[in-house]
Amino acid sequence: MDTGTEELAHIEMLATMIARLLDGAPVKEQEKAAQDPLLAAILGGMNPQHAIVSGLGAMPVNSVGVPWQGGYIVASCNLLADFRANLNAESQGRLQAVRLYEMTDDRGVKDMLAYLIARDRMHQNQWLAAIKELEAQEGKTVPSTFPKELEKEEFSYVFMNLSRGDESSQGRWAQGRSMDGQGTFQ
């Protein structure tokens, strides 16, 4: 709940930042930004919903205007699977924040993004720690409670090379002891 509550605050921080940056932005600056073809498309009304629905106010939507909704929440009733999904979400969030940081020269925006990037690092480490703790109790596969003897075990540790050549079979993911410690990759 702590991390989830913090993430909702991050959404509000970003939406407020964008609204403040757009509020009263000088036409000269908008014209300068419009020299970038991507920004020109956005400023030129590529997403009319932004004007129609919110009057150009901040909206909790993705980069193509799709509204945020509860379906984005992963809840499989398996903590290990859910924690891995959370780790992935934090990784994606940090990646996007870093890309935004690199795109701006605004000191205030960089300062806020640097904070969010730091928090994403903390959250990634939290999920990694929780995953490690669960893996120590349950095993590495999800679900770990499925009886191994009911699997087609002859395929459980076989790497299937579907690429040209054999380069893809040279990695750790295809050789040596399996990561769950219960088999050997073939």
N, C-alpha and C. Protein backbone atom coordinates (compact mmCIF):
# COMPACT_ATOMS: atom_id res chain seq x y z
N MET A 1 0.83 -1.20 0.00
CA MET A 1 0.00 0.00 0.00
C MET A 1 0.87 1.26 0.00
N ASP A 2 2.02 1.19 0.69
CA ASP A 2 2.89 2.36 0.74
C ASP A 2 3.36 2.74 -0.66
N THR A 3 3.88 1.77 -1.39
CA THR A 3 4.41 2.03 -2.73
C THR A 3 3.29 2.43 -3.68
N GLY A 4 2.16 1.75 -3.60
CA GLY A 4 1.02 2.08 -4.46
C GLY A 4 0.53 3.50 -4.24
N THR A 5 0.45 3.91 -2.98
CA THR A 5 0.03 5.27 -2.66
C THR A 5 1.02 6.28 -3.21
N GLU A 6 2.30 5.97 -3.07
CA GLU A 6 3.34 6.86 -3.60
C GLU A 6 3.23 6.97 -5.12
N GLU A 7 2.95 5.87 -5.79
CA GLU A 7 2.83 5.90 -7.26
C GLU A 7 1.67 6.78 -7.70
N LEU A 8 0.55 6.75 -6.97
CA LEU A 8 -0.57 7.64 -7.31
C LEU A 8 -0.14 9.10 -7.15
N ALA A 9 0.67 9.39 -6.14
CA ALA A 9 1.18 10.75 -5.97
C ALA A 9 2.07 11.15 -7.14
N HIS A 10 2.84 10.19 -7.67
CA HIS A 10 3.70 10.49 -8.82
C HIS A 10 2.87 10.87 -10.04
N ILE A 11 1.75 10.20 -10.23
CA ILE A 11 0.86 10.54 -11.35
C ILE A 11 0.39 11.99 -11.19
N GLU A 12 -0.01 12.35 -10.00
CA GLU A 12 -0.48 13.72 -9.77
C GLU A 12 0.65 14.73 -9.97
N MET A 13 1.84 14.39 -9.52
CA MET A 13 2.99 15.29 -9.71
C MET A 13 3.24 15.55 -11.19
N LEU A 14 3.24 14.48 -11.99
CA LEU A 14 3.50 14.62 -13.42
C LEU A 14 2.39 15.40 -14.12
N ALA A 15 1.14 15.09 -13.79
CA ALA A 15 0.02 15.79 -14.42
C ALA A 15 0.04 17.27 -14.07
N THR A 16 0.33 17.60 -12.82
CA THR A 16 0.40 18.99 -12.40
C THR A 16 1.57 19.71 -13.08
N MET A 17 2.71 19.04 -13.18
CA MET A 17 3.87 19.64 -13.84
C MET A 17 3.53 20.00 -15.29
N ILE A 18 2.91 19.07 -15.99
CA ILE A 18 2.56 19.31 -17.40
C ILE A 18 1.57 20.45 -17.51
N ALA A 19 0.55 20.46 -16.65
CA ALA A 19 -0.44 21.53 -16.69
C ALA A 19 0.21 22.89 -16.44
N ARG A 20 1.12 22.96 -15.48
CA ARG A 20 1.79 24.24 -15.17
C ARG A 20 2.72 24.67 -16.31
N LEU A 21 3.36 23.71 -16.94
CA LEU A 21 4.24 24.06 -18.07
C LEU A 21 3.43 24.59 -19.25
N LEU A 22 2.25 24.04 -19.46
CA LEU A 22 1.42 24.47 -20.59
C LEU A 22 0.64 25.75 -20.30
N ASP A 23 0.30 25.97 -19.03
CA ASP A 23 -0.52 27.12 -18.66
C ASP A 23 0.22 28.43 -18.97
N GLY A 24 -0.31 29.19 -19.89
CA GLY A 24 0.28 30.48 -20.23
C GLY A 24 1.60 30.38 -20.97
N ALA A 25 1.88 29.23 -21.56
CA ALA A 25 3.13 29.10 -22.32
C ALA A 25 3.12 30.11 -23.47
N PRO A 26 4.19 30.90 -23.60
CA PRO A 26 4.24 31.90 -24.66
C PRO A 26 4.16 31.26 -26.04
N VAL A 27 3.46 31.94 -26.95
CA VAL A 27 3.32 31.44 -28.32
C VAL A 27 4.70 31.23 -28.94
N LYS A 28 5.64 32.12 -28.64
CA LYS A 28 7.00 32.01 -29.18
C LYS A 28 7.62 30.66 -28.80
N GLU A 29 7.42 30.23 -27.56
CA GLU A 29 7.96 28.95 -27.11
C GLU A 29 7.24 27.78 -27.77
N GLN A 30 5.94 27.92 -27.96
CA GLN A 30 5.18 26.86 -28.63
C GLN A 30 5.64 26.72 -30.08
N GLU A 31 5.88 27.85 -30.73
CA GLU A 31 6.36 27.82 -32.11
C GLU A 31 7.74 27.18 -32.20
N LYS A 32 8.58 27.51 -31.22
CA LYS A 32 9.92 26.92 -31.18
C LYS A 32 9.81 25.40 -31.00
N ALA A 33 8.94 24.96 -30.09
CA ALA A 33 8.75 23.53 -29.85
C ALA A 33 8.20 22.84 -31.09
N ALA A 34 7.35 23.54 -31.83
CA ALA A 34 6.70 22.96 -33.01
C ALA A 34 7.69 22.70 -34.15
N GLN A 35 8.91 23.16 -34.02
CA GLN A 35 9.92 22.86 -35.03
C GLN A 35 10.31 21.38 -35.01
N ASP A 36 10.09 20.74 -33.88
CA ASP A 36 10.28 19.30 -33.77
C ASP A 36 9.03 18.64 -34.34
N PRO A 37 9.16 17.78 -35.37
CA PRO A 37 7.98 17.20 -36.03
C PRO A 37 7.04 16.45 -35.06
N LEU A 38 7.62 15.78 -34.08
CA LEU A 38 6.80 15.04 -33.12
C LEU A 38 5.96 16.00 -32.30
N LEU A 39 6.61 17.04 -31.77
CA LEU A 39 5.89 18.02 -30.97
C LEU A 39 4.90 18.81 -31.82
N ALA A 40 5.25 19.07 -33.07
CA ALA A 40 4.34 19.78 -33.97
C ALA A 40 3.05 19.00 -34.15
N ALA A 41 3.16 17.68 -34.28
CA ALA A 41 1.96 16.85 -34.45
C ALA A 41 1.08 16.93 -33.21
N ILE A 42 1.70 16.90 -32.04
CA ILE A 42 0.94 16.97 -30.79
C ILE A 42 0.31 18.34 -30.64
N LEU A 43 1.11 19.40 -30.80
CA LEU A 43 0.60 20.76 -30.67
C LEU A 43 -0.43 21.08 -31.75
N GLY A 44 -0.32 20.42 -32.89
CA GLY A 44 -1.24 20.65 -33.98
C GLY A 44 -2.56 19.92 -33.82
N GLY A 45 -2.78 19.28 -32.71
CA GLY A 45 -4.06 18.65 -32.46
C GLY A 45 -4.11 17.17 -32.77
N MET A 46 -2.97 16.50 -32.71
CA MET A 46 -2.94 15.08 -32.99
C MET A 46 -3.88 14.31 -32.05
N ASN A 47 -4.08 14.81 -30.84
CA ASN A 47 -4.99 14.18 -29.90
C ASN A 47 -6.09 15.18 -29.55
N PRO A 48 -7.15 15.24 -30.36
CA PRO A 48 -8.21 16.23 -30.10
C PRO A 48 -8.94 16.00 -28.78
N GLN A 49 -8.86 14.76 -28.24
CA GLN A 49 -9.50 14.50 -26.95
C GLN A 49 -8.93 15.38 -25.85
N HIS A 50 -7.67 15.71 -25.97
CA HIS A 50 -7.04 16.56 -24.95
C HIS A 50 -7.76 17.90 -24.87
N ALA A 51 -8.14 18.45 -26.02
CA ALA A 51 -8.87 19.72 -26.02
C ALA A 51 -10.34 19.53 -25.69
N ILE A 52 -10.96 18.48 -26.25
CA ILE A 52 -12.39 18.26 -26.09
C ILE A 52 -12.75 17.85 -24.66
N VAL A 53 -12.03 16.87 -24.13
CA VAL A 53 -12.39 16.30 -22.84
C VAL A 53 -11.92 17.17 -21.68
N SER A 54 -10.70 17.67 -21.76
CA SER A 54 -10.16 18.37 -20.58
C SER A 54 -9.88 19.85 -20.82
N GLY A 55 -10.19 20.36 -22.00
CA GLY A 55 -9.88 21.77 -22.26
C GLY A 55 -8.40 22.05 -22.17
N LEU A 56 -7.60 21.08 -22.55
CA LEU A 56 -6.13 21.12 -22.51
C LEU A 56 -5.57 21.04 -21.10
N GLY A 57 -6.41 20.65 -20.13
CA GLY A 57 -5.92 20.44 -18.77
C GLY A 57 -5.23 19.09 -18.66
N ALA A 58 -4.57 18.86 -17.54
CA ALA A 58 -3.86 17.61 -17.31
C ALA A 58 -4.85 16.45 -17.24
N MET A 59 -4.49 15.36 -17.88
CA MET A 59 -5.32 14.15 -17.88
C MET A 59 -4.46 12.93 -17.59
N PRO A 60 -4.99 11.97 -16.82
CA PRO A 60 -4.23 10.74 -16.59
C PRO A 60 -4.40 9.78 -17.77
N VAL A 61 -3.66 10.06 -18.84
CA VAL A 61 -3.72 9.25 -20.05
C VAL A 61 -2.30 8.92 -20.49
N ASN A 62 -2.19 7.91 -21.36
CA ASN A 62 -0.86 7.60 -21.88
C ASN A 62 -0.52 8.53 -23.04
N SER A 63 0.59 8.29 -23.68
CA SER A 63 1.09 9.21 -24.70
C SER A 63 0.22 9.27 -25.95
N VAL A 64 -0.70 8.37 -26.11
CA VAL A 64 -1.60 8.42 -27.27
C VAL A 64 -3.04 8.68 -26.84
N GLY A 65 -3.21 9.16 -25.61
CA GLY A 65 -4.53 9.57 -25.15
C GLY A 65 -5.41 8.49 -24.56
N VAL A 66 -4.89 7.28 -24.37
CA VAL A 66 -5.70 6.22 -23.79
C VAL A 66 -5.77 6.43 -22.28
N PRO A 67 -6.99 6.59 -21.74
CA PRO A 67 -7.11 6.88 -20.30
C PRO A 67 -6.59 5.74 -19.43
N TRP A 68 -6.05 6.12 -18.29
CA TRP A 68 -5.65 5.15 -17.30
C TRP A 68 -6.91 4.48 -16.78
N GLN A 69 -6.80 3.18 -16.49
CA GLN A 69 -7.94 2.47 -15.92
C GLN A 69 -7.46 1.33 -15.05
N GLY A 70 -8.33 0.85 -14.21
CA GLY A 70 -7.97 -0.18 -13.24
C GLY A 70 -7.48 -1.48 -13.85
N GLY A 71 -7.78 -1.71 -15.14
CA GLY A 71 -7.33 -2.92 -15.80
C GLY A 71 -5.82 -3.01 -15.92
N TYR A 72 -5.14 -1.88 -15.69
CA TYR A 72 -3.68 -1.89 -15.76
C TYR A 72 -3.05 -2.50 -14.51
N ILE A 73 -3.85 -2.73 -13.50
CA ILE A 73 -3.34 -3.29 -12.26
C ILE A 73 -3.24 -4.81 -12.41
N VAL A 74 -2.07 -5.34 -12.11
CA VAL A 74 -1.85 -6.78 -12.20
C VAL A 74 -2.17 -7.39 -10.84
N ALA A 75 -3.07 -8.33 -10.84
CA ALA A 75 -3.43 -9.02 -9.61
C ALA A 75 -3.78 -10.47 -9.97
N SER A 76 -2.76 -11.33 -9.92
CA SER A 76 -2.96 -12.73 -10.32
C SER A 76 -3.26 -13.65 -9.15
N CYS A 77 -3.16 -13.12 -7.94
CA CYS A 77 -3.32 -13.92 -6.72
C CYS A 77 -2.11 -14.84 -6.53
N ASN A 78 -1.00 -14.47 -7.15
CA ASN A 78 0.27 -15.17 -6.93
C ASN A 78 1.31 -14.08 -6.69
N LEU A 79 1.77 -13.96 -5.46
CA LEU A 79 2.66 -12.85 -5.10
C LEU A 79 3.91 -12.81 -5.95
N LEU A 80 4.50 -13.94 -6.25
CA LEU A 80 5.74 -13.95 -7.03
C LEU A 80 5.49 -13.39 -8.43
N ALA A 81 4.43 -13.83 -9.08
CA ALA A 81 4.11 -13.30 -10.42
C ALA A 81 3.80 -11.81 -10.34
N ASP A 82 3.03 -11.40 -9.34
CA ASP A 82 2.66 -10.00 -9.21
C ASP A 82 3.86 -9.12 -8.89
N PHE A 83 4.77 -9.61 -8.04
CA PHE A 83 5.96 -8.82 -7.72
C PHE A 83 6.84 -8.64 -8.94
N ARG A 84 6.94 -9.68 -9.76
CA ARG A 84 7.72 -9.57 -11.00
C ARG A 84 7.07 -8.56 -11.94
N ALA A 85 5.75 -8.55 -12.01
CA ALA A 85 5.05 -7.56 -12.84
C ALA A 85 5.31 -6.15 -12.30
N ASN A 86 5.32 -6.00 -10.98
CA ASN A 86 5.60 -4.69 -10.38
C ASN A 86 7.03 -4.25 -10.69
N LEU A 87 7.97 -5.17 -10.64
CA LEU A 87 9.35 -4.84 -10.98
C LEU A 87 9.44 -4.36 -12.43
N ASN A 88 8.74 -5.04 -13.33
CA ASN A 88 8.71 -4.62 -14.72
C ASN A 88 8.11 -3.23 -14.87
N ALA A 89 7.03 -2.96 -14.17
CA ALA A 89 6.39 -1.64 -14.24
C ALA A 89 7.33 -0.54 -13.75
N GLU A 90 8.03 -0.80 -12.64
CA GLU A 90 8.99 0.18 -12.14
C GLU A 90 10.12 0.40 -13.14
N SER A 91 10.56 -0.67 -13.78
CA SER A 91 11.63 -0.56 -14.77
C SER A 91 11.18 0.29 -15.95
N GLN A 92 9.95 0.07 -16.41
CA GLN A 92 9.42 0.85 -17.53
C GLN A 92 9.24 2.31 -17.12
N GLY A 93 8.75 2.55 -15.92
CA GLY A 93 8.57 3.92 -15.44
C GLY A 93 9.89 4.66 -15.35
N ARG A 94 10.90 4.00 -14.82
CA ARG A 94 12.22 4.63 -14.72
C ARG A 94 12.79 4.91 -16.11
N LEU A 95 12.63 3.97 -17.03
CA LEU A 95 13.11 4.16 -18.39
C LEU A 95 12.47 5.39 -19.02
N GLN A 96 11.16 5.54 -18.87
CA GLN A 96 10.47 6.68 -19.46
C GLN A 96 10.87 7.99 -18.78
N ALA A 97 11.04 7.97 -17.47
CA ALA A 97 11.45 9.19 -16.76
C ALA A 97 12.85 9.62 -17.20
N VAL A 98 13.75 8.66 -17.39
CA VAL A 98 15.10 8.98 -17.86
C VAL A 98 15.05 9.57 -19.27
N ARG A 99 14.22 8.99 -20.12
CA ARG A 99 14.09 9.53 -21.49
C ARG A 99 13.57 10.96 -21.45
N LEU A 100 12.57 11.23 -20.60
CA LEU A 100 12.06 12.60 -20.48
C LEU A 100 13.15 13.53 -19.95
N TYR A 101 13.89 13.07 -18.96
CA TYR A 101 14.98 13.87 -18.39
C TYR A 101 15.96 14.29 -19.48
N GLU A 102 16.30 13.34 -20.35
CA GLU A 102 17.26 13.61 -21.41
C GLU A 102 16.70 14.52 -22.50
N MET A 103 15.37 14.67 -22.55
CA MET A 103 14.74 15.48 -23.59
C MET A 103 14.56 16.94 -23.20
N THR A 104 14.75 17.26 -21.93
CA THR A 104 14.45 18.62 -21.49
C THR A 104 15.70 19.34 -21.01
N ASP A 105 15.64 20.66 -21.06
CA ASP A 105 16.70 21.47 -20.47
C ASP A 105 16.14 22.33 -19.34
N ASP A 106 14.90 22.10 -18.96
CA ASP A 106 14.25 22.84 -17.88
C ASP A 106 14.75 22.30 -16.53
N ARG A 107 15.39 23.17 -15.75
CA ARG A 107 15.98 22.74 -14.47
C ARG A 107 14.94 22.18 -13.51
N GLY A 108 13.77 22.82 -13.44
CA GLY A 108 12.72 22.35 -12.53
C GLY A 108 12.18 20.99 -12.92
N VAL A 109 11.99 20.79 -14.21
CA VAL A 109 11.52 19.50 -14.71
C VAL A 109 12.57 18.43 -14.42
N LYS A 110 13.83 18.75 -14.71
CA LYS A 110 14.91 17.79 -14.44
C LYS A 110 14.97 17.44 -12.95
N ASP A 111 14.77 18.42 -12.10
CA ASP A 111 14.83 18.18 -10.67
C ASP A 111 13.72 17.21 -10.24
N MET A 112 12.50 17.45 -10.71
CA MET A 112 11.41 16.55 -10.35
C MET A 112 11.62 15.16 -10.93
N LEU A 113 12.04 15.09 -12.19
CA LEU A 113 12.28 13.79 -12.81
C LEU A 113 13.40 13.04 -12.09
N ALA A 114 14.44 13.75 -11.66
CA ALA A 114 15.53 13.10 -10.93
C ALA A 114 15.01 12.47 -9.64
N TYR A 115 14.06 13.16 -8.99
CA TYR A 115 13.43 12.60 -7.79
C TYR A 115 12.66 11.31 -8.14
N LEU A 116 11.86 11.37 -9.21
CA LEU A 116 11.07 10.20 -9.61
C LEU A 116 11.98 9.04 -10.02
N ILE A 117 13.08 9.35 -10.69
CA ILE A 117 14.04 8.32 -11.09
C ILE A 117 14.63 7.64 -9.85
N ALA A 118 14.94 8.44 -8.84
CA ALA A 118 15.47 7.89 -7.58
C ALA A 118 14.44 6.99 -6.91
N ARG A 119 13.19 7.43 -6.89
CA ARG A 119 12.14 6.62 -6.26
C ARG A 119 11.93 5.31 -7.02
N ASP A 120 12.03 5.37 -8.35
CA ASP A 120 11.90 4.14 -9.14
C ASP A 120 13.03 3.17 -8.81
N ARG A 121 14.23 3.69 -8.56
CA ARG A 121 15.34 2.81 -8.15
C ARG A 121 14.99 2.13 -6.83
N MET A 122 14.47 2.91 -5.88
CA MET A 122 14.10 2.34 -4.59
C MET A 122 13.03 1.26 -4.77
N HIS A 123 12.03 1.55 -5.58
CA HIS A 123 10.95 0.59 -5.76
C HIS A 123 11.44 -0.68 -6.48
N GLN A 124 12.32 -0.53 -7.46
CA GLN A 124 12.88 -1.72 -8.11
C GLN A 124 13.61 -2.58 -7.08
N ASN A 125 14.37 -1.94 -6.21
CA ASN A 125 15.09 -2.70 -5.19
C ASN A 125 14.15 -3.35 -4.19
N GLN A 126 13.05 -2.68 -3.87
CA GLN A 126 12.06 -3.28 -2.97
C GLN A 126 11.48 -4.55 -3.60
N TRP A 127 11.08 -4.45 -4.88
CA TRP A 127 10.48 -5.62 -5.53
C TRP A 127 11.50 -6.73 -5.68
N LEU A 128 12.75 -6.40 -6.00
CA LEU A 128 13.79 -7.43 -6.10
C LEU A 128 13.99 -8.14 -4.76
N ALA A 129 13.99 -7.37 -3.68
CA ALA A 129 14.15 -7.98 -2.35
C ALA A 129 12.97 -8.88 -2.01
N ALA A 130 11.76 -8.41 -2.32
CA ALA A 130 10.56 -9.22 -2.04
C ALA A 130 10.56 -10.48 -2.89
N ILE A 131 10.98 -10.36 -4.15
CA ILE A 131 11.05 -11.53 -5.04
C ILE A 131 12.04 -12.54 -4.49
N LYS A 132 13.20 -12.05 -4.08
CA LYS A 132 14.23 -12.96 -3.53
C LYS A 132 13.70 -13.69 -2.29
N GLU A 133 13.00 -12.95 -1.45
CA GLU A 133 12.45 -13.56 -0.24
C GLU A 133 11.41 -14.63 -0.59
N LEU A 134 10.54 -14.34 -1.54
CA LEU A 134 9.53 -15.32 -1.94
C LEU A 134 10.16 -16.53 -2.63
N GLU A 135 11.16 -16.28 -3.48
CA GLU A 135 11.82 -17.39 -4.16
C GLU A 135 12.49 -18.33 -3.17
N ALA A 136 12.99 -17.80 -2.08
CA ALA A 136 13.63 -18.64 -1.06
C ALA A 136 12.60 -19.55 -0.39
N GLN A 137 11.36 -19.08 -0.31
CA GLN A 137 10.31 -19.87 0.33
C GLN A 137 9.62 -20.82 -0.64
N GLU A 138 9.34 -20.33 -1.86
CA GLU A 138 8.48 -21.07 -2.77
C GLU A 138 9.20 -21.72 -3.94
N GLY A 139 10.34 -21.25 -4.32
CA GLY A 139 10.97 -21.68 -5.56
C GLY A 139 10.83 -20.58 -6.58
N LYS A 140 11.48 -20.72 -7.73
CA LYS A 140 11.55 -19.64 -8.69
C LYS A 140 10.45 -19.65 -9.74
N THR A 141 9.78 -20.78 -9.94
CA THR A 141 8.76 -20.85 -10.98
C THR A 141 7.40 -20.45 -10.42
N VAL A 142 6.53 -20.01 -11.31
CA VAL A 142 5.17 -19.62 -10.92
C VAL A 142 4.21 -20.48 -11.71
N PRO A 143 3.24 -21.15 -11.09
CA PRO A 143 3.22 -21.38 -9.65
C PRO A 143 4.19 -22.48 -9.26
N SER A 144 4.70 -22.38 -8.07
CA SER A 144 5.66 -23.37 -7.59
C SER A 144 4.96 -24.59 -6.99
N THR A 145 3.64 -24.51 -6.84
CA THR A 145 2.89 -25.59 -6.20
C THR A 145 2.42 -26.65 -7.18
N PHE A 146 2.57 -26.40 -8.51
CA PHE A 146 2.13 -27.39 -9.49
C PHE A 146 3.06 -28.59 -9.42
N PRO A 147 2.52 -29.81 -9.28
CA PRO A 147 3.38 -31.00 -9.15
C PRO A 147 4.26 -31.19 -10.40
N LYS A 148 5.56 -31.22 -10.18
CA LYS A 148 6.51 -31.34 -11.29
C LYS A 148 6.26 -32.59 -12.12
N GLU A 149 5.86 -33.65 -11.49
CA GLU A 149 5.65 -34.91 -12.21
C GLU A 149 4.46 -34.83 -13.17
N LEU A 150 3.61 -33.83 -13.06
CA LEU A 150 2.50 -33.66 -14.00
C LEU A 150 2.91 -32.86 -15.24
N GLU A 151 4.08 -32.21 -15.17
CA GLU A 151 4.61 -31.52 -16.34
C GLU A 151 5.13 -32.55 -17.34
N LYS A 152 5.24 -32.17 -18.56
CA LYS A 152 5.96 -32.97 -19.55
C LYS A 152 7.44 -32.67 -19.29
N GLU A 153 7.99 -33.31 -18.27
CA GLU A 153 9.32 -32.97 -17.76
C GLU A 153 10.44 -33.05 -18.79
N GLU A 154 10.25 -33.86 -19.83
CA GLU A 154 11.30 -33.96 -20.84
C GLU A 154 11.51 -32.64 -21.57
N PHE A 155 10.57 -31.69 -21.43
CA PHE A 155 10.69 -30.39 -22.08
C PHE A 155 11.00 -29.25 -21.11
N SER A 156 11.07 -29.55 -19.83
CA SER A 156 11.21 -28.51 -18.81
C SER A 156 12.51 -27.71 -18.88
N TYR A 157 13.58 -28.29 -19.44
CA TYR A 157 14.87 -27.61 -19.45
C TYR A 157 15.53 -27.64 -20.82
N VAL A 158 14.71 -27.81 -21.87
CA VAL A 158 15.24 -27.90 -23.23
C VAL A 158 15.12 -26.53 -23.90
N PHE A 159 16.25 -25.98 -24.34
CA PHE A 159 16.25 -24.74 -25.11
C PHE A 159 15.92 -25.08 -26.55
N MET A 160 14.94 -24.37 -27.12
CA MET A 160 14.55 -24.62 -28.51
C MET A 160 15.09 -23.48 -29.37
N ASN A 161 16.12 -23.77 -30.12
CA ASN A 161 16.76 -22.78 -30.98
C ASN A 161 15.96 -22.64 -32.27
N LEU A 162 15.25 -21.55 -32.41
CA LEU A 162 14.43 -21.31 -33.59
C LEU A 162 15.03 -20.19 -34.45
N SER A 163 16.29 -19.86 -34.18
CA SER A 163 17.00 -18.82 -34.92
C SER A 163 17.95 -19.46 -35.92
N ARG A 164 18.43 -18.67 -36.86
CA ARG A 164 19.49 -19.14 -37.75
C ARG A 164 20.79 -19.21 -36.96
N GLY A 165 21.56 -20.20 -37.21
CA GLY A 165 22.82 -20.36 -36.49
C GLY A 165 22.59 -20.85 -35.08
N ASP A 166 23.67 -20.83 -34.31
CA ASP A 166 23.55 -21.32 -32.93
C ASP A 166 23.92 -20.27 -31.90
N GLU A 167 24.04 -19.01 -32.33
CA GLU A 167 24.42 -17.96 -31.39
C GLU A 167 23.46 -17.84 -30.20
N SER A 168 22.16 -17.98 -30.47
CA SER A 168 21.18 -17.80 -29.39
C SER A 168 21.26 -18.92 -28.35
N SER A 169 21.86 -20.05 -28.71
CA SER A 169 21.96 -21.15 -27.75
C SER A 169 23.23 -21.08 -26.92
N GLN A 170 24.01 -20.02 -27.10
CA GLN A 170 25.28 -19.91 -26.39
C GLN A 170 25.16 -19.20 -25.04
N GLY A 171 24.03 -18.59 -24.76
CA GLY A 171 23.87 -17.83 -23.52
C GLY A 171 23.60 -18.69 -22.31
N ARG A 172 23.67 -18.05 -21.15
CA ARG A 172 23.44 -18.72 -19.87
C ARG A 172 22.04 -19.31 -19.80
N TRP A 173 21.10 -18.70 -20.52
CA TRP A 173 19.71 -19.17 -20.53
C TRP A 173 19.53 -20.52 -21.21
N ALA A 174 20.58 -21.02 -21.85
CA ALA A 174 20.46 -22.28 -22.60
C ALA A 174 21.48 -23.32 -22.17
N GLN A 175 22.33 -23.00 -21.21
CA GLN A 175 23.41 -23.91 -20.81
C GLN A 175 23.55 -23.95 -19.30
N GLY A 176 24.02 -25.08 -18.82
CA GLY A 176 24.34 -25.20 -17.40
C GLY A 176 23.13 -25.54 -16.55
N ARG A 177 23.34 -25.41 -15.26
CA ARG A 177 22.29 -25.72 -14.28
C ARG A 177 21.15 -24.73 -14.44
N SER A 178 19.92 -25.21 -14.38
CA SER A 178 18.75 -24.33 -14.50
C SER A 178 18.70 -23.37 -13.32
N MET A 179 18.04 -22.26 -13.52
CA MET A 179 17.99 -21.24 -12.48
C MET A 179 17.19 -21.68 -11.26
N ASP A 180 16.27 -22.61 -11.44
CA ASP A 180 15.53 -23.11 -10.29
C ASP A 180 16.29 -24.21 -9.56
N GLY A 181 17.45 -24.62 -10.10
CA GLY A 181 18.28 -25.63 -9.46
C GLY A 181 17.73 -27.04 -9.55
N GLN A 182 16.71 -27.25 -10.37
CA GLN A 182 16.08 -28.56 -10.43
C GLN A 182 16.37 -29.32 -11.73
N GLY A 183 17.23 -28.75 -12.57
CA GLY A 183 17.53 -29.41 -13.83
C GLY A 183 18.75 -28.80 -14.49
N THR A 184 19.08 -29.28 -15.69
CA THR A 184 20.21 -28.77 -16.48
C THR A 184 19.69 -28.41 -17.86
N PHE A 185 19.99 -27.21 -18.30
CA PHE A 185 19.55 -26.78 -19.63
C PHE A 185 20.20 -27.65 -20.69
N GLN A 186 19.44 -28.01 -21.70
CA GLN A 186 19.95 -28.81 -22.83
C GLN A 186 19.66 -28.04 -24.10
